[in-house]
Protein backbone atom coordinates (compact mmCIF):
# COMPACT_ATOMS: atom_id res chain seq x y z
CA ALA A 1 0.00 0.00 0.00
CA VAL A 2 1.01 3.61 -0.35
CA VAL A 3 0.04 6.13 2.33
CA GLU A 4 0.42 9.89 2.32
CA VAL A 5 1.33 11.57 5.62
CA GLU A 6 1.49 15.14 6.85
CA GLY A 7 4.49 16.14 8.93
CA GLY A 8 6.66 13.40 7.47
CA GLU A 9 9.64 15.72 7.07
CA ALA A 10 10.51 15.16 10.74
CA ILE A 11 10.70 11.37 10.41
CA PRO A 12 14.40 10.57 10.97
CA PHE A 13 14.66 7.67 8.50
CA ASP A 14 13.86 6.88 4.87
CA ALA A 15 13.18 3.18 5.37
CA VAL A 16 12.67 0.92 8.33
CA THR A 17 11.83 -2.69 9.16
CA THR A 18 9.19 -3.17 11.83
CA PRO A 19 9.77 -6.45 13.69
CA SER A 20 7.33 -5.49 16.45
CA SER A 21 4.39 -5.25 14.02
CA SER A 22 2.27 -8.24 13.06
CA VAL A 23 0.87 -6.25 10.12
CA LEU A 24 3.80 -4.37 8.51
CA GLN A 25 7.31 -5.59 7.89
CA PHE A 26 8.75 -2.60 6.01
CA LEU A 27 8.13 1.09 5.34
CA ALA A 28 9.96 3.21 2.75
CA ARG A 29 9.75 6.93 1.99
CA GLU A 30 8.84 7.25 -1.70
CA ALA A 31 10.91 10.45 -2.10
CA SER A 32 14.06 8.57 -1.07
CA LYS A 33 13.79 6.28 -4.09
CA PRO A 34 15.82 7.24 -7.19
CA GLY A 35 13.88 9.55 -9.49
CA ARG A 36 11.05 10.17 -7.02
CA ALA A 37 12.15 13.34 -5.25
CA ASP A 38 8.76 14.89 -6.03
CA ALA A 39 6.83 12.11 -4.24
CA GLY A 40 6.05 14.35 -1.27
CA ASN A 41 5.39 12.51 1.96
CA ALA A 42 4.19 9.24 0.47
CA TRP A 43 5.33 5.99 2.07
CA THR A 44 5.27 2.48 0.65
CA VAL A 45 4.20 -0.04 3.28
CA VAL A 46 4.75 -3.78 2.89
CA SER A 47 2.75 -6.25 4.93
CA THR A 48 4.09 -9.21 6.83
CA SER A 49 3.69 -12.60 5.18
CA SER A 50 1.23 -13.71 7.88
CA PHE A 51 -0.96 -10.69 7.17
CA ALA A 52 -0.70 -11.28 3.41
CA ASP A 53 -1.60 -14.97 3.84
CA LYS A 54 -5.20 -13.88 4.37
CA ARG A 55 -5.27 -13.62 0.54
CA PRO A 56 -8.47 -11.64 0.18
CA GLY A 57 -10.55 -11.39 -2.94
CA ASN A 58 -10.10 -8.30 -5.08
CA ASP A 59 -13.01 -6.54 -3.35
CA ALA A 60 -11.31 -6.85 0.06
CA VAL A 61 -7.91 -5.46 -0.99
CA ALA A 62 -9.03 -1.86 -0.38
CA SER A 63 -10.15 -2.63 3.18
CA LEU A 64 -6.85 -4.39 3.91
CA GLY A 65 -5.10 -1.32 2.50
CA LEU A 66 -6.84 0.75 5.16
CA LEU A 67 -5.60 -1.64 7.85
CA LEU A 68 -2.06 -1.24 6.48
CA ALA A 69 -2.48 2.55 6.50
CA ASP A 70 -3.69 2.49 10.12
CA GLU A 71 -0.67 0.45 11.18
CA ALA A 72 1.69 2.75 9.26
CA LEU A 73 0.21 5.74 11.04
CA ARG A 74 0.58 4.03 14.42
CA LEU A 75 4.27 3.46 13.68
CA LEU A 76 4.95 6.90 12.19
CA CYS A 77 2.88 9.12 14.51
CA PRO A 78 5.49 9.16 17.32
CA HIS A 79 7.61 11.09 14.79
CA GLY A 80 4.90 13.70 14.19
CA ALA A 81 3.22 12.18 11.13
CA LYS A 82 -0.51 12.41 10.49
CA LEU A 83 -2.24 10.34 7.84
CA THR A 84 -3.70 12.40 5.01
CA SER A 85 -4.77 9.53 2.75
CA ALA A 86 -4.33 5.91 1.88
CA VAL A 87 -3.39 6.31 -1.78
CA GLY A 88 -3.82 2.71 -2.82
CA ALA A 89 -3.26 -0.92 -2.08
CA LYS A 90 -2.27 -3.75 -4.37
CA MET A 91 -2.17 -7.48 -3.77
CA TRP A 92 0.92 -8.82 -5.51
CA ARG A 93 -0.26 -12.40 -5.97
CA ALA A 94 2.91 -13.42 -7.81
CA ALA A 95 4.76 -12.93 -4.52
CA PHE A 96 3.05 -15.95 -2.98
CA SER A 97 5.07 -19.11 -3.26
CA ALA A 98 4.45 -22.69 -2.23
CA GLU A 99 8.15 -23.05 -1.39
CA THR A 100 10.48 -20.98 0.73
CA LEU A 101 13.91 -19.69 -0.17
CA GLU A 102 15.46 -21.42 2.85
CA GLY A 103 17.33 -24.03 0.84
CA TRP A 104 18.39 -21.47 -1.74
CA SER A 105 19.77 -19.11 0.91
CA ARG A 106 21.98 -21.90 2.27
CA GLY A 107 23.30 -22.69 -1.19
CA ALA A 108 21.40 -25.97 -1.46
């Protein structure tokens, strides 16, 4: 999902992993990505695999996007951010795999 925040200039990082969240695993400031300096205060938020495993139908993706936006705001608000909008959410179904990369990461 992509969320737009107000007051994001004070956030002291451009990207962060969120191991304490059961909903989000990663947040990245859009403007920190190459060629996106004009992205304002938009943030890309990536869900955890357990959250994504819910695999909703296309009609439920928007409501899950709002849940992602709420969690992003919870994590960013201690740094002065306020949510202005949830720009959009997308379910990347190709990211789901029946196998893990565990064997690959060990060189198997």
